[in-house]
Amino acid sequence: MDILVLIGRILFAALFLASAANHLAQRKAMAGYAAAKGVPAAGAAMAAGTLVLLLGGLSVLLGIWADLGALLLAVFLVPTTVLMHAFWKEDDPGARQQEMIHFQKDLALAGASLMLFALISYAGHELGLTLTGPLFAIR
């Protein structure tokens, strides 16, 4: 089971680390997009979001307090999903559909992050193939 969880962690973290790299490479454009979506203090929010993506993704990937990393990703995803993909505000049917797809995808990723948090917190040191054990202990 350890190897399957490791492969899952790698695949899961890759999405968030690639997103963090994109946020860094496209800082101005991403901040402008967030501002257009009504995100307050868009530049600061983008910087904080990028840091959370990077820390959470690396934590899950490397298995350094991977439960905390998964929790950070969930905390990032929930408000981001609501603020950035508010499909109910779209008038154009095509745009509404695209935002709904992104909303549902990000909500599912938040759910997966919470499940990963619970798995790692519950399994503890028995999980294996991590650099540290979990920070939290759910029993």
C-alpha atoms as a PDB file:
ATOM      1  CA  MET A   1       0.000   0.000   0.000  1.00  0.00           C
ATOM      2  CA  ASP A   2       2.873   2.393   0.735  1.00  0.00           C
ATOM      3  CA  ILE A   3       3.957   2.532  -2.906  1.00  0.00           C
ATOM      4  CA  LEU A   4       0.396   3.230  -4.102  1.00  0.00           C
ATOM      5  CA  VAL A   5       0.056   6.114  -1.654  1.00  0.00           C
ATOM      6  CA  LEU A   6       3.449   7.448  -2.762  1.00  0.00           C
ATOM      7  CA  ILE A   7       2.432   7.306  -6.441  1.00  0.00           C
ATOM      8  CA  GLY A   8      -0.856   9.017  -5.545  1.00  0.00           C
ATOM      9  CA  ARG A   9       0.983  11.721  -3.599  1.00  0.00           C
ATOM     10  CA  ILE A  10       3.307  12.355  -6.554  1.00  0.00           C
ATOM     11  CA  LEU A  11       0.465  12.593  -9.060  1.00  0.00           C
ATOM     12  CA  PHE A  12      -1.643  14.736  -6.735  1.00  0.00           C
ATOM     13  CA  ALA A  13       1.176  17.124  -5.822  1.00  0.00           C
ATOM     14  CA  ALA A  14       2.250  17.550  -9.460  1.00  0.00           C
ATOM     15  CA  LEU A  15      -0.939  19.493 -10.217  1.00  0.00           C
ATOM     16  CA  PHE A  16      -0.393  21.967  -7.388  1.00  0.00           C
ATOM     17  CA  LEU A  17       3.336  22.398  -8.001  1.00  0.00           C
ATOM     18  CA  ALA A  18       2.725  23.064 -11.708  1.00  0.00           C
ATOM     19  CA  SER A  19       0.048  25.565 -10.736  1.00  0.00           C
ATOM     20  CA  ALA A  20       2.444  27.294  -8.320  1.00  0.00           C
ATOM     21  CA  ALA A  21       5.073  27.509 -11.086  1.00  0.00           C
ATOM     22  CA  ASN A  22       2.470  29.005 -13.437  1.00  0.00           C
ATOM     23  CA  HIS A  23       1.430  31.511 -10.770  1.00  0.00           C
ATOM     24  CA  LEU A  24       5.088  32.558 -10.385  1.00  0.00           C
ATOM     25  CA  ALA A  25       5.720  32.785 -14.128  1.00  0.00           C
ATOM     26  CA  GLN A  26       2.496  34.724 -14.810  1.00  0.00           C
ATOM     27  CA  ARG A  27       2.317  36.855 -11.638  1.00  0.00           C
ATOM     28  CA  LYS A  28       0.964  40.019 -13.220  1.00  0.00           C
ATOM     29  CA  ALA A  29      -1.554  38.287 -15.459  1.00  0.00           C
ATOM     30  CA  MET A  30      -2.805  36.083 -12.619  1.00  0.00           C
ATOM     31  CA  ALA A  31      -3.157  39.056 -10.273  1.00  0.00           C
ATOM     32  CA  GLY A  32      -5.052  40.936 -12.981  1.00  0.00           C
ATOM     33  CA  TYR A  33      -7.367  37.983 -13.520  1.00  0.00           C
ATOM     34  CA  ALA A  34      -8.001  37.705  -9.779  1.00  0.00           C
ATOM     35  CA  ALA A  35      -8.706  41.448  -9.579  1.00  0.00           C
ATOM     36  CA  ALA A  36     -11.171  41.131 -12.478  1.00  0.00           C
ATOM     37  CA  LYS A  37     -12.930  38.366 -10.528  1.00  0.00           C
ATOM     38  CA  GLY A  38     -13.313  40.728  -7.566  1.00  0.00           C
ATOM     39  CA  VAL A  39     -10.640  39.258  -5.299  1.00  0.00           C
ATOM     40  CA  PRO A  40      -9.675  41.900  -2.723  1.00  0.00           C
ATOM     41  CA  ALA A  41      -5.953  42.785  -2.617  1.00  0.00           C
ATOM     42  CA  ALA A  42      -5.447  40.552  -5.651  1.00  0.00           C
ATOM     43  CA  GLY A  43      -1.652  40.894  -5.766  1.00  0.00           C
ATOM     44  CA  ALA A  44      -1.209  39.933  -2.126  1.00  0.00           C
ATOM     45  CA  ALA A  45      -3.820  37.190  -2.434  1.00  0.00           C
ATOM     46  CA  MET A  46      -1.997  35.742  -5.439  1.00  0.00           C
ATOM     47  CA  ALA A  47       1.340  35.807  -3.609  1.00  0.00           C
ATOM     48  CA  ALA A  48      -0.175  34.101  -0.564  1.00  0.00           C
ATOM     49  CA  GLY A  49      -1.985  31.565  -2.736  1.00  0.00           C
ATOM     50  CA  THR A  50       1.194  30.768  -4.646  1.00  0.00           C
ATOM     51  CA  LEU A  51       3.057  30.192  -1.379  1.00  0.00           C
ATOM     52  CA  VAL A  52       0.309  27.889  -0.086  1.00  0.00           C
ATOM     53  CA  LEU A  53       0.293  25.919  -3.368  1.00  0.00           C
ATOM     54  CA  LEU A  54       4.070  25.556  -3.233  1.00  0.00           C
ATOM     55  CA  LEU A  55       4.279  24.601   0.451  1.00  0.00           C
ATOM     56  CA  GLY A  56       1.271  22.281   0.324  1.00  0.00           C
ATOM     57  CA  GLY A  57       2.416  20.607  -2.875  1.00  0.00           C
ATOM     58  CA  LEU A  58       5.986  20.074  -1.640  1.00  0.00           C
ATOM     59  CA  SER A  59       4.749  18.810   1.712  1.00  0.00           C
ATOM     60  CA  VAL A  60       2.512  16.188   0.096  1.00  0.00           C
ATOM     61  CA  LEU A  61       5.140  15.237  -2.490  1.00  0.00           C
ATOM     62  CA  LEU A  62       8.034  14.834  -0.068  1.00  0.00           C
ATOM     63  CA  GLY A  63       6.010  13.445   2.815  1.00  0.00           C
ATOM     64  CA  ILE A  64       7.062  16.174   5.224  1.00  0.00           C
ATOM     65  CA  TRP A  65       4.006  16.659   7.410  1.00  0.00           C
ATOM     66  CA  ALA A  66       2.005  15.633   4.364  1.00  0.00           C
ATOM     67  CA  ASP A  67      -1.205  15.857   6.384  1.00  0.00           C
ATOM     68  CA  LEU A  68      -0.581  19.554   6.975  1.00  0.00           C
ATOM     69  CA  GLY A  69       0.237  20.005   3.279  1.00  0.00           C
ATOM     70  CA  ALA A  70      -3.037  18.370   2.274  1.00  0.00           C
ATOM     71  CA  LEU A  71      -4.914  20.571   4.746  1.00  0.00           C
ATOM     72  CA  LEU A  72      -3.219  23.689   3.349  1.00  0.00           C
ATOM     73  CA  LEU A  73      -4.324  22.712  -0.151  1.00  0.00           C
ATOM     74  CA  ALA A  74      -7.929  22.262   1.019  1.00  0.00           C
ATOM     75  CA  VAL A  75      -7.858  25.636   2.787  1.00  0.00           C
ATOM     76  CA  PHE A  76      -6.560  27.197  -0.433  1.00  0.00           C
ATOM     77  CA  LEU A  77      -9.058  25.455  -2.696  1.00  0.00           C
ATOM     78  CA  VAL A  78     -12.350  26.224  -0.960  1.00  0.00           C
ATOM     79  CA  PRO A  79     -12.244  30.046  -1.075  1.00  0.00           C
ATOM     80  CA  THR A  80     -10.442  30.024  -4.426  1.00  0.00           C
ATOM     81  CA  THR A  81     -13.176  27.855  -5.907  1.00  0.00           C
ATOM     82  CA  VAL A  82     -15.923  30.191  -4.732  1.00  0.00           C
ATOM     83  CA  LEU A  83     -14.142  33.437  -5.633  1.00  0.00           C
ATOM     84  CA  MET A  84     -12.605  32.457  -8.962  1.00  0.00           C
ATOM     85  CA  HIS A  85     -15.231  30.148 -10.440  1.00  0.00           C
ATOM     86  CA  ALA A  86     -18.555  31.726  -9.492  1.00  0.00           C
ATOM     87  CA  PHE A  87     -20.460  30.190 -12.398  1.00  0.00           C
ATOM     88  CA  TRP A  88     -23.757  31.548 -11.045  1.00  0.00           C
ATOM     89  CA  LYS A  89     -22.571  35.079 -11.912  1.00  0.00           C
ATOM     90  CA  GLU A  90     -22.006  34.286 -15.602  1.00  0.00           C
ATOM     91  CA  ASP A  91     -24.611  35.314 -18.179  1.00  0.00           C
ATOM     92  CA  ASP A  92     -23.002  33.685 -21.207  1.00  0.00           C
ATOM     93  CA  PRO A  93     -23.915  29.963 -21.329  1.00  0.00           C
ATOM     94  CA  GLY A  94     -20.462  28.924 -22.566  1.00  0.00           C
ATOM     95  CA  ALA A  95     -18.628  30.888 -19.887  1.00  0.00           C
ATOM     96  CA  ARG A  96     -21.084  29.626 -17.278  1.00  0.00           C
ATOM     97  CA  GLN A  97     -20.394  26.012 -18.331  1.00  0.00           C
ATOM     98  CA  GLN A  98     -16.617  26.513 -18.216  1.00  0.00           C
ATOM     99  CA  GLU A  99     -16.753  28.103 -14.771  1.00  0.00           C
ATOM    100  CA  MET A 100     -19.030  25.313 -13.519  1.00  0.00           C
ATOM    101  CA  ILE A 101     -16.535  22.697 -14.720  1.00  0.00           C
ATOM    102  CA  HIS A 102     -13.679  24.476 -12.921  1.00  0.00           C
ATOM    103  CA  PHE A 103     -15.831  24.943  -9.822  1.00  0.00           C
ATOM    104  CA  GLN A 104     -16.687  21.240  -9.655  1.00  0.00           C
ATOM    105  CA  LYS A 105     -13.078  20.184 -10.361  1.00  0.00           C
ATOM    106  CA  ASP A 106     -11.678  22.412  -7.635  1.00  0.00           C
ATOM    107  CA  LEU A 107     -14.362  21.346  -5.174  1.00  0.00           C
ATOM    108  CA  ALA A 108     -13.481  17.691  -5.882  1.00  0.00           C
ATOM    109  CA  LEU A 109      -9.789  18.478  -5.347  1.00  0.00           C
ATOM    110  CA  ALA A 110     -10.675  20.095  -2.005  1.00  0.00           C
ATOM    111  CA  GLY A 111     -12.520  16.912  -1.045  1.00  0.00           C
ATOM    112  CA  ALA A 112      -9.564  14.769  -2.120  1.00  0.00           C
ATOM    113  CA  SER A 113      -7.244  17.009  -0.084  1.00  0.00           C
ATOM    114  CA  LEU A 114      -9.395  16.492   2.995  1.00  0.00           C
ATOM    115  CA  MET A 115      -9.439  12.728   2.433  1.00  0.00           C
ATOM    116  CA  LEU A 116      -5.650  12.720   2.071  1.00  0.00           C
ATOM    117  CA  PHE A 117      -5.352  14.762   5.261  1.00  0.00           C
ATOM    118  CA  ALA A 118      -7.526  12.228   7.105  1.00  0.00           C
ATOM    119  CA  LEU A 119      -5.681   9.220   5.663  1.00  0.00           C
ATOM    120  CA  ILE A 120      -2.240  10.504   6.566  1.00  0.00           C
ATOM    121  CA  SER A 121      -3.345  11.748   9.999  1.00  0.00           C
ATOM    122  CA  TYR A 122      -5.001   8.426  10.771  1.00  0.00           C
ATOM    123  CA  ALA A 123      -2.341   6.085   9.377  1.00  0.00           C
ATOM    124  CA  GLY A 124       0.463   8.005  11.048  1.00  0.00           C
ATOM    125  CA  HIS A 125       3.931   6.503  10.896  1.00  0.00           C
ATOM    126  CA  GLU A 126       2.528   3.226   9.553  1.00  0.00           C
ATOM    127  CA  LEU A 127       1.978   4.811   6.145  1.00  0.00           C
ATOM    128  CA  GLY A 128       5.648   4.685   5.204  1.00  0.00           C
ATOM    129  CA  LEU A 129       7.607   6.303   2.387  1.00  0.00           C
ATOM    130  CA  THR A 130       7.450   9.751   3.993  1.00  0.00           C
ATOM    131  CA  LEU A 131      10.262  11.881   5.377  1.00  0.00           C
ATOM    132  CA  THR A 132       8.338  12.674   8.553  1.00  0.00           C
ATOM    133  CA  GLY A 133       5.256  11.352  10.222  1.00  0.00           C
ATOM    134  CA  PRO A 134       2.056  13.375  10.308  1.00  0.00           C
ATOM    135  CA  LEU A 135       1.690  16.540  12.329  1.00  0.00           C
ATOM    136  CA  PHE A 136      -1.855  15.634  13.399  1.00  0.00           C
ATOM    137  CA  ALA A 137      -3.169  12.391  14.865  1.00  0.00           C
ATOM    138  CA  ILE A 138      -6.779  11.451  14.138  1.00  0.00           C
ATOM    139  CA  ARG A 139      -8.001   8.413  16.043  1.00  0.00           C
END
